[in-house]
Amino acid sequence: MPSRLQRRRWQDVDKSDIAVTDLVQAFLMYNEDRNHSPKTVRWYGEMLGRFTAWLGPEARLRAVDADALRGYQRSLRGDGLSKFTLHAYARTLKTFLRWLQREAYISEELHNRVEMPKVPKYEDVTIDVLSDQEIAHLLAMLDAGSDTGCRNRAVVCLMLESGLRLAEVVNLKVDNVHLKEMYVKVHGKGDKESYPNRPVSWWPTVMPPFREPVADIPSLKSNIGFGLVFGGQVSCGDGLDRGRRQAQNDRR
């Protein structure tokens, strides 16, 4: 066993022969350890997967240099991607390169060699939202007299008033819904807890079954919330998206 004086420091170890794909996997594990959401980690993987595919499956760290970065970004521009997509690829690559330098895999500040495409500022981007008439039309499409329609109406109203993402509503648990206090507790990205600012004052009127004590509703004892209660599984591809698209099509 080498003595303490014989051991080389991590900074002095030659890391140029490490496979880039292995480094990407280490970067993804680092993000998982930081409690980033699975969706965020998957997004990093997909973005960086394109970079490793461009470099080649056998590419080593020594292949990652300024020329390679320029060539990769040139190939992305040649694929006809939007400026926002190009910006996302560049942003992810810069994050990965910063991590490589911080972990002493590289010494050069390669993240400064990544060109960031210019995109419109968010305040200059117009977000197309539903009008009051379209919202009324959407709600009218949901039959409040059926279990599924009653559930979907509650989901739509919750999203309209609170701004919650569909995935957050799908994963909402009964224990996180406080009817007397009129608020809900949400576990969002990174399993962080948050509380929508607006109260759920509409709930008892659009979801009559919840006015009964939870203990008296057998289907709620499993604490699964919207997931399976009242009309079957809810998913991010549920009829709610189809209803929203139908309302937008009617507007056209």
C-alpha atoms as a PDB file:
ATOM      1  CA  MET A   1       0.000   0.000   0.000  1.00  0.00           C
ATOM      2  CA  PRO A   2       1.544   3.341  -0.999  1.00  0.00           C
ATOM      3  CA  SER A   3       2.411   5.717   1.751  1.00  0.00           C
ATOM      4  CA  ARG A   4       0.689   9.032   2.197  1.00  0.00           C
ATOM      5  CA  LEU A   5       3.601  10.787   0.460  1.00  0.00           C
ATOM      6  CA  GLN A   6       3.391   8.434  -2.543  1.00  0.00           C
ATOM      7  CA  ARG A   7      -0.300   8.964  -3.236  1.00  0.00           C
ATOM      8  CA  ARG A   8      -1.101  11.379  -5.991  1.00  0.00           C
ATOM      9  CA  ARG A   9      -3.638  14.096  -5.473  1.00  0.00           C
ATOM     10  CA  TRP A  10      -6.864  13.906  -7.461  1.00  0.00           C
ATOM     11  CA  GLN A  11      -5.862  17.096  -9.268  1.00  0.00           C
ATOM     12  CA  ASP A  12      -2.653  15.381 -10.442  1.00  0.00           C
ATOM     13  CA  VAL A  13      -4.339  12.247 -11.805  1.00  0.00           C
ATOM     14  CA  ASP A  14      -4.577  12.026 -15.611  1.00  0.00           C
ATOM     15  CA  LYS A  15      -8.321  11.940 -16.304  1.00  0.00           C
ATOM     16  CA  SER A  16      -8.186  12.504 -20.053  1.00  0.00           C
ATOM     17  CA  ASP A  17      -8.885   8.813 -20.788  1.00  0.00           C
ATOM     18  CA  ILE A  18     -12.209   8.713 -18.904  1.00  0.00           C
ATOM     19  CA  ALA A  19     -15.160   7.963 -21.182  1.00  0.00           C
ATOM     20  CA  VAL A  20     -17.454  10.952 -21.687  1.00  0.00           C
ATOM     21  CA  THR A  21     -20.496   8.698 -21.282  1.00  0.00           C
ATOM     22  CA  ASP A  22     -19.238   7.688 -17.815  1.00  0.00           C
ATOM     23  CA  LEU A  23     -18.828  11.330 -16.870  1.00  0.00           C
ATOM     24  CA  VAL A  24     -22.372  12.103 -17.992  1.00  0.00           C
ATOM     25  CA  GLN A  25     -23.655   9.255 -15.826  1.00  0.00           C
ATOM     26  CA  ALA A  26     -21.686  10.608 -12.869  1.00  0.00           C
ATOM     27  CA  PHE A  27     -23.185  14.054 -13.513  1.00  0.00           C
ATOM     28  CA  LEU A  28     -26.705  12.610 -13.541  1.00  0.00           C
ATOM     29  CA  MET A  29     -26.058  10.753 -10.275  1.00  0.00           C
ATOM     30  CA  TYR A  30     -24.794  14.017  -8.771  1.00  0.00           C
ATOM     31  CA  ASN A  31     -28.083  15.687  -9.678  1.00  0.00           C
ATOM     32  CA  GLU A  32     -30.063  12.793  -8.221  1.00  0.00           C
ATOM     33  CA  ASP A  33     -28.091  13.131  -4.984  1.00  0.00           C
ATOM     34  CA  ARG A  34     -29.017  16.822  -4.918  1.00  0.00           C
ATOM     35  CA  ASN A  35     -32.662  15.741  -4.895  1.00  0.00           C
ATOM     36  CA  HIS A  36     -33.432  17.123  -8.324  1.00  0.00           C
ATOM     37  CA  SER A  37     -36.667  15.802  -9.767  1.00  0.00           C
ATOM     38  CA  PRO A  38     -36.547  12.689 -11.982  1.00  0.00           C
ATOM     39  CA  LYS A  39     -37.860  14.828 -14.829  1.00  0.00           C
ATOM     40  CA  THR A  40     -34.934  17.262 -14.469  1.00  0.00           C
ATOM     41  CA  VAL A  41     -32.399  14.432 -14.372  1.00  0.00           C
ATOM     42  CA  ARG A  42     -34.017  12.797 -17.390  1.00  0.00           C
ATOM     43  CA  TRP A  43     -33.923  16.132 -19.231  1.00  0.00           C
ATOM     44  CA  TYR A  44     -30.203  16.517 -18.523  1.00  0.00           C
ATOM     45  CA  GLY A  45     -29.661  12.972 -19.768  1.00  0.00           C
ATOM     46  CA  GLU A  46     -31.510  13.560 -23.025  1.00  0.00           C
ATOM     47  CA  MET A  47     -29.746  16.861 -23.684  1.00  0.00           C
ATOM     48  CA  LEU A  48     -26.271  15.529 -22.953  1.00  0.00           C
ATOM     49  CA  GLY A  49     -27.042  12.281 -24.754  1.00  0.00           C
ATOM     50  CA  ARG A  50     -27.084  14.208 -28.003  1.00  0.00           C
ATOM     51  CA  PHE A  51     -23.653  15.642 -27.187  1.00  0.00           C
ATOM     52  CA  THR A  52     -22.146  12.208 -26.443  1.00  0.00           C
ATOM     53  CA  ALA A  53     -23.757  10.779 -29.601  1.00  0.00           C
ATOM     54  CA  TRP A  54     -22.125  13.541 -31.640  1.00  0.00           C
ATOM     55  CA  LEU A  55     -18.736  12.856 -30.030  1.00  0.00           C
ATOM     56  CA  GLY A  56     -19.102   9.114 -30.547  1.00  0.00           C
ATOM     57  CA  PRO A  57     -19.691   6.229 -28.084  1.00  0.00           C
ATOM     58  CA  GLU A  58     -15.962   5.701 -27.474  1.00  0.00           C
ATOM     59  CA  ALA A  59     -15.100   9.386 -26.987  1.00  0.00           C
ATOM     60  CA  ARG A  60     -12.774  10.232 -24.099  1.00  0.00           C
ATOM     61  CA  LEU A  61     -12.523  13.377 -22.057  1.00  0.00           C
ATOM     62  CA  ARG A  62      -9.542  14.544 -24.092  1.00  0.00           C
ATOM     63  CA  ALA A  63     -11.918  14.940 -27.053  1.00  0.00           C
ATOM     64  CA  VAL A  64     -13.871  17.651 -25.245  1.00  0.00           C
ATOM     65  CA  ASP A  65     -12.200  20.898 -26.219  1.00  0.00           C
ATOM     66  CA  ALA A  66     -13.126  24.267 -27.705  1.00  0.00           C
ATOM     67  CA  ASP A  67     -13.075  22.918 -31.274  1.00  0.00           C
ATOM     68  CA  ALA A  68     -15.432  20.086 -30.342  1.00  0.00           C
ATOM     69  CA  LEU A  69     -17.820  22.485 -28.648  1.00  0.00           C
ATOM     70  CA  ARG A  70     -17.916  24.735 -31.706  1.00  0.00           C
ATOM     71  CA  GLY A  71     -18.462  21.770 -34.010  1.00  0.00           C
ATOM     72  CA  TYR A  72     -21.271  20.401 -31.848  1.00  0.00           C
ATOM     73  CA  GLN A  73     -23.088  23.718 -31.704  1.00  0.00           C
ATOM     74  CA  ARG A  74     -22.629  24.138 -35.448  1.00  0.00           C
ATOM     75  CA  SER A  75     -24.300  20.776 -36.002  1.00  0.00           C
ATOM     76  CA  LEU A  76     -27.225  21.783 -33.779  1.00  0.00           C
ATOM     77  CA  ARG A  77     -27.761  24.958 -35.778  1.00  0.00           C
ATOM     78  CA  GLY A  78     -27.730  22.892 -38.953  1.00  0.00           C
ATOM     79  CA  ASP A  79     -30.605  20.762 -37.677  1.00  0.00           C
ATOM     80  CA  GLY A  80     -33.003  23.706 -37.876  1.00  0.00           C
ATOM     81  CA  LEU A  81     -33.788  23.812 -34.165  1.00  0.00           C
ATOM     82  CA  SER A  82     -35.500  26.845 -32.650  1.00  0.00           C
ATOM     83  CA  LYS A  83     -33.490  29.439 -30.747  1.00  0.00           C
ATOM     84  CA  PHE A  84     -35.118  28.342 -27.493  1.00  0.00           C
ATOM     85  CA  THR A  85     -34.102  24.718 -28.104  1.00  0.00           C
ATOM     86  CA  LEU A  86     -30.565  25.739 -29.047  1.00  0.00           C
ATOM     87  CA  HIS A  87     -30.396  27.819 -25.875  1.00  0.00           C
ATOM     88  CA  ALA A  88     -31.508  24.833 -23.809  1.00  0.00           C
ATOM     89  CA  TYR A  89     -28.805  22.600 -25.309  1.00  0.00           C
ATOM     90  CA  ALA A  90     -26.146  25.263 -24.726  1.00  0.00           C
ATOM     91  CA  ARG A  91     -27.320  25.914 -21.168  1.00  0.00           C
ATOM     92  CA  THR A  92     -27.190  22.216 -20.299  1.00  0.00           C
ATOM     93  CA  LEU A  93     -23.737  21.834 -21.825  1.00  0.00           C
ATOM     94  CA  LYS A  94     -22.410  24.819 -19.842  1.00  0.00           C
ATOM     95  CA  THR A  95     -23.789  23.310 -16.627  1.00  0.00           C
ATOM     96  CA  PHE A  96     -22.092  20.000 -17.373  1.00  0.00           C
ATOM     97  CA  LEU A  97     -18.757  21.684 -18.153  1.00  0.00           C
ATOM     98  CA  ARG A  98     -18.912  23.754 -14.969  1.00  0.00           C
ATOM     99  CA  TRP A  99     -19.443  20.548 -13.013  1.00  0.00           C
ATOM    100  CA  LEU A 100     -16.452  18.919 -14.739  1.00  0.00           C
ATOM    101  CA  GLN A 101     -14.233  21.835 -13.718  1.00  0.00           C
ATOM    102  CA  ARG A 102     -15.601  21.991 -10.188  1.00  0.00           C
ATOM    103  CA  GLU A 103     -14.930  18.265  -9.739  1.00  0.00           C
ATOM    104  CA  ALA A 104     -11.395  18.756 -11.146  1.00  0.00           C
ATOM    105  CA  TYR A 105     -11.937  16.578 -14.214  1.00  0.00           C
ATOM    106  CA  ILE A 106     -10.816  19.521 -16.345  1.00  0.00           C
ATOM    107  CA  SER A 107      -8.825  22.650 -15.515  1.00  0.00           C
ATOM    108  CA  GLU A 108      -9.813  24.865 -18.438  1.00  0.00           C
ATOM    109  CA  GLU A 109     -12.966  26.973 -18.179  1.00  0.00           C
ATOM    110  CA  LEU A 110     -14.571  25.354 -21.209  1.00  0.00           C
ATOM    111  CA  HIS A 111     -18.033  26.544 -20.228  1.00  0.00           C
ATOM    112  CA  ASN A 112     -16.952  30.026 -21.295  1.00  0.00           C
ATOM    113  CA  ARG A 113     -16.383  28.682 -24.820  1.00  0.00           C
ATOM    114  CA  VAL A 114     -20.043  27.695 -25.247  1.00  0.00           C
ATOM    115  CA  GLU A 115     -21.902  30.289 -27.319  1.00  0.00           C
ATOM    116  CA  MET A 116     -25.324  31.163 -25.927  1.00  0.00           C
ATOM    117  CA  PRO A 117     -27.931  31.853 -28.658  1.00  0.00           C
ATOM    118  CA  LYS A 118     -29.906  35.054 -28.201  1.00  0.00           C
ATOM    119  CA  VAL A 119     -33.545  34.439 -27.342  1.00  0.00           C
ATOM    120  CA  PRO A 120     -36.415  36.844 -26.580  1.00  0.00           C
ATOM    121  CA  LYS A 121     -36.745  37.852 -22.942  1.00  0.00           C
ATOM    122  CA  TYR A 122     -39.575  36.156 -21.112  1.00  0.00           C
ATOM    123  CA  GLU A 123     -41.304  39.481 -20.561  1.00  0.00           C
ATOM    124  CA  ASP A 124     -41.377  39.911 -24.355  1.00  0.00           C
ATOM    125  CA  VAL A 125     -42.998  36.518 -24.928  1.00  0.00           C
ATOM    126  CA  THR A 126     -46.791  36.527 -25.159  1.00  0.00           C
ATOM    127  CA  ILE A 127     -48.384  33.531 -23.440  1.00  0.00           C
ATOM    128  CA  ASP A 128     -51.647  32.486 -25.052  1.00  0.00           C
ATOM    129  CA  VAL A 129     -54.085  31.815 -22.199  1.00  0.00           C
ATOM    130  CA  LEU A 130     -57.724  30.796 -22.235  1.00  0.00           C
ATOM    131  CA  SER A 131     -60.335  33.531 -22.119  1.00  0.00           C
ATOM    132  CA  ASP A 132     -63.253  33.534 -19.675  1.00  0.00           C
ATOM    133  CA  GLN A 133     -65.515  32.234 -22.446  1.00  0.00           C
ATOM    134  CA  GLU A 134     -63.099  29.409 -23.261  1.00  0.00           C
ATOM    135  CA  ILE A 135     -62.825  28.464 -19.593  1.00  0.00           C
ATOM    136  CA  ALA A 136     -66.621  28.360 -19.328  1.00  0.00           C
ATOM    137  CA  HIS A 137     -66.762  26.201 -22.461  1.00  0.00           C
ATOM    138  CA  LEU A 138     -64.124  23.851 -21.042  1.00  0.00           C
ATOM    139  CA  LEU A 139     -65.995  23.434 -17.753  1.00  0.00           C
ATOM    140  CA  ALA A 140     -69.254  22.884 -19.614  1.00  0.00           C
ATOM    141  CA  MET A 141     -67.664  19.890 -21.338  1.00  0.00           C
ATOM    142  CA  LEU A 142     -67.197  18.164 -17.957  1.00  0.00           C
ATOM    143  CA  ASP A 143     -70.269  16.355 -16.648  1.00  0.00           C
ATOM    144  CA  ALA A 144     -70.405  17.212 -12.935  1.00  0.00           C
ATOM    145  CA  GLY A 145     -73.098  14.538 -12.511  1.00  0.00           C
ATOM    146  CA  SER A 146     -70.643  11.681 -13.191  1.00  0.00           C
ATOM    147  CA  ASP A 147     -67.742  10.545 -11.063  1.00  0.00           C
ATOM    148  CA  THR A 148     -65.166  11.174 -13.792  1.00  0.00           C
ATOM    149  CA  GLY A 149     -66.625  14.535 -14.795  1.00  0.00           C
ATOM    150  CA  CYS A 150     -66.847  15.654 -11.166  1.00  0.00           C
ATOM    151  CA  ARG A 151     -63.235  14.732 -10.594  1.00  0.00           C
ATOM    152  CA  ASN A 152     -62.018  16.374 -13.801  1.00  0.00           C
ATOM    153  CA  ARG A 153     -63.961  19.534 -12.997  1.00  0.00           C
ATOM    154  CA  ALA A 154     -62.230  19.729  -9.620  1.00  0.00           C
ATOM    155  CA  VAL A 155     -58.842  19.194 -11.280  1.00  0.00           C
ATOM    156  CA  VAL A 156     -59.468  21.944 -13.842  1.00  0.00           C
ATOM    157  CA  CYS A 157     -60.686  24.420 -11.226  1.00  0.00           C
ATOM    158  CA  LEU A 158     -57.723  23.694  -8.975  1.00  0.00           C
ATOM    159  CA  MET A 159     -55.282  24.309 -11.812  1.00  0.00           C
ATOM    160  CA  LEU A 160     -57.058  27.493 -12.904  1.00  0.00           C
ATOM    161  CA  GLU A 161     -57.070  29.047  -9.444  1.00  0.00           C
ATOM    162  CA  SER A 162     -53.690  27.874  -8.157  1.00  0.00           C
ATOM    163  CA  GLY A 163     -51.526  27.570 -11.280  1.00  0.00           C
ATOM    164  CA  LEU A 164     -50.423  24.063 -10.304  1.00  0.00           C
ATOM    165  CA  ARG A 165     -48.853  21.830 -12.920  1.00  0.00           C
ATOM    166  CA  LEU A 166     -50.856  18.830 -14.069  1.00  0.00           C
ATOM    167  CA  ALA A 167     -48.249  16.432 -12.641  1.00  0.00           C
ATOM    168  CA  GLU A 168     -48.551  18.143  -9.236  1.00  0.00           C
ATOM    169  CA  VAL A 169     -52.323  17.729  -9.276  1.00  0.00           C
ATOM    170  CA  VAL A 170     -52.072  14.089 -10.367  1.00  0.00           C
ATOM    171  CA  ASN A 171     -49.786  13.335  -7.410  1.00  0.00           C
ATOM    172  CA  LEU A 172     -51.901  15.259  -4.890  1.00  0.00           C
ATOM    173  CA  LYS A 173     -52.755  13.176  -1.805  1.00  0.00           C
ATOM    174  CA  VAL A 174     -55.961  13.381   0.221  1.00  0.00           C
ATOM    175  CA  ASP A 175     -53.987  14.195   3.358  1.00  0.00           C
ATOM    176  CA  ASN A 176     -52.641  17.285   1.566  1.00  0.00           C
ATOM    177  CA  VAL A 177     -56.143  18.671   0.950  1.00  0.00           C
ATOM    178  CA  HIS A 178     -57.412  20.714   3.907  1.00  0.00           C
ATOM    179  CA  LEU A 179     -61.040  21.564   3.254  1.00  0.00           C
ATOM    180  CA  LYS A 180     -61.779  23.382   6.514  1.00  0.00           C
ATOM    181  CA  GLU A 181     -58.745  25.626   6.161  1.00  0.00           C
ATOM    182  CA  MET A 182     -59.296  25.864   2.371  1.00  0.00           C
ATOM    183  CA  TYR A 183     -55.741  25.134   1.194  1.00  0.00           C
ATOM    184  CA  VAL A 184     -53.729  22.339  -0.377  1.00  0.00           C
ATOM    185  CA  LYS A 185     -50.124  21.275   0.188  1.00  0.00           C
ATOM    186  CA  VAL A 186     -48.178  20.353  -2.924  1.00  0.00           C
ATOM    187  CA  HIS A 187     -44.990  18.358  -3.380  1.00  0.00           C
ATOM    188  CA  GLY A 188     -43.408  19.885  -6.449  1.00  0.00           C
ATOM    189  CA  LYS A 189     -40.081  19.576  -8.222  1.00  0.00           C
ATOM    190  CA  GLY A 190     -37.318  18.197  -6.044  1.00  0.00           C
ATOM    191  CA  ASP A 191     -39.988  17.023  -3.570  1.00  0.00           C
ATOM    192  CA  LYS A 192     -40.282  20.589  -2.258  1.00  0.00           C
ATOM    193  CA  GLU A 193     -43.437  21.536  -0.395  1.00  0.00           C
ATOM    194  CA  SER A 194     -45.420  24.556  -1.512  1.00  0.00           C
ATOM    195  CA  TYR A 195     -48.793  26.113  -0.818  1.00  0.00           C
ATOM    196  CA  PRO A 196     -50.811  27.814  -3.585  1.00  0.00           C
ATOM    197  CA  ASN A 197     -51.648  31.389  -2.661  1.00  0.00           C
ATOM    198  CA  ARG A 198     -55.331  31.210  -3.548  1.00  0.00           C
ATOM    199  CA  PRO A 199     -57.708  29.176  -1.328  1.00  0.00           C
ATOM    200  CA  VAL A 200     -59.663  26.260  -2.744  1.00  0.00           C
ATOM    201  CA  SER A 201     -62.993  27.909  -1.936  1.00  0.00           C
ATOM    202  CA  TRP A 202     -64.644  26.279  -4.947  1.00  0.00           C
ATOM    203  CA  TRP A 203     -63.925  22.687  -3.863  1.00  0.00           C
ATOM    204  CA  PRO A 204     -67.096  21.744  -1.931  1.00  0.00           C
ATOM    205  CA  THR A 205     -69.281  22.908  -4.831  1.00  0.00           C
ATOM    206  CA  VAL A 206     -67.445  21.150  -7.661  1.00  0.00           C
ATOM    207  CA  MET A 207     -66.514  18.035  -5.678  1.00  0.00           C
ATOM    208  CA  PRO A 208     -69.585  17.176  -3.537  1.00  0.00           C
ATOM    209  CA  PRO A 209     -68.272  13.751  -2.429  1.00  0.00           C
ATOM    210  CA  PHE A 210     -65.492  15.453  -0.455  1.00  0.00           C
ATOM    211  CA  ARG A 211     -68.059  17.147   1.770  1.00  0.00           C
ATOM    212  CA  GLU A 212     -68.499  13.781   3.421  1.00  0.00           C
ATOM    213  CA  PRO A 213     -65.999  12.749   6.102  1.00  0.00           C
ATOM    214  CA  VAL A 214     -62.995  11.110   4.464  1.00  0.00           C
ATOM    215  CA  ALA A 215     -63.304   8.126   6.792  1.00  0.00           C
ATOM    216  CA  ASP A 216     -66.761   7.406   5.345  1.00  0.00           C
ATOM    217  CA  ILE A 217     -65.486   7.173   1.756  1.00  0.00           C
ATOM    218  CA  PRO A 218     -63.818   3.754   1.277  1.00  0.00           C
ATOM    219  CA  SER A 219     -62.002   4.809  -1.888  1.00  0.00           C
ATOM    220  CA  LEU A 220     -60.240   7.649  -0.072  1.00  0.00           C
ATOM    221  CA  LYS A 221     -58.784   5.613   2.764  1.00  0.00           C
ATOM    222  CA  SER A 222     -55.772   4.715   0.623  1.00  0.00           C
ATOM    223  CA  ASN A 223     -54.769   8.409   0.512  1.00  0.00           C
ATOM    224  CA  ILE A 224     -54.285   8.457  -3.266  1.00  0.00           C
ATOM    225  CA  GLY A 225     -56.099  11.706  -3.988  1.00  0.00           C
ATOM    226  CA  PHE A 226     -56.959  12.325  -7.629  1.00  0.00           C
ATOM    227  CA  GLY A 227     -54.778   9.429  -8.773  1.00  0.00           C
ATOM    228  CA  LEU A 228     -57.446   6.713  -8.725  1.00  0.00           C
ATOM    229  CA  VAL A 229     -60.411   8.201  -6.875  1.00  0.00           C
ATOM    230  CA  PHE A 230     -63.644   8.946  -8.712  1.00  0.00           C
ATOM    231  CA  GLY A 231     -63.431   7.604 -12.219  1.00  0.00           C
ATOM    232  CA  GLY A 232     -60.084   5.890 -12.701  1.00  0.00           C
ATOM    233  CA  GLN A 233     -56.453   6.784 -13.190  1.00  0.00           C
ATOM    234  CA  VAL A 234     -55.509  10.382 -13.957  1.00  0.00           C
ATOM    235  CA  SER A 235     -52.376  10.950 -15.997  1.00  0.00           C
ATOM    236  CA  CYS A 236     -50.617  13.858 -17.657  1.00  0.00           C
ATOM    237  CA  GLY A 237     -52.149  12.736 -20.941  1.00  0.00           C
ATOM    238  CA  ASP A 238     -55.693  12.684 -19.592  1.00  0.00           C
ATOM    239  CA  GLY A 239     -58.767  14.123 -21.295  1.00  0.00           C
ATOM    240  CA  LEU A 240     -58.060  17.453 -19.613  1.00  0.00           C
ATOM    241  CA  ASP A 241     -55.436  18.230 -22.251  1.00  0.00           C
ATOM    242  CA  ARG A 242     -57.822  17.161 -24.981  1.00  0.00           C
ATOM    243  CA  GLY A 243     -60.498  19.446 -23.569  1.00  0.00           C
ATOM    244  CA  ARG A 244     -58.082  22.368 -23.478  1.00  0.00           C
ATOM    245  CA  ARG A 245     -57.096  21.761 -27.092  1.00  0.00           C
ATOM    246  CA  GLN A 246     -60.743  21.506 -28.095  1.00  0.00           C
ATOM    247  CA  ALA A 247     -61.461  24.897 -26.487  1.00  0.00           C
ATOM    248  CA  GLN A 248     -58.553  26.446 -28.368  1.00  0.00           C
ATOM    249  CA  ASN A 249     -59.717  24.872 -31.643  1.00  0.00           C
ATOM    250  CA  ASP A 250     -63.203  26.277 -31.117  1.00  0.00           C
ATOM    251  CA  ARG A 251     -61.661  29.727 -30.766  1.00  0.00           C
ATOM    252  CA  ARG A 252     -60.079  29.380 -34.195  1.00  0.00           C
END
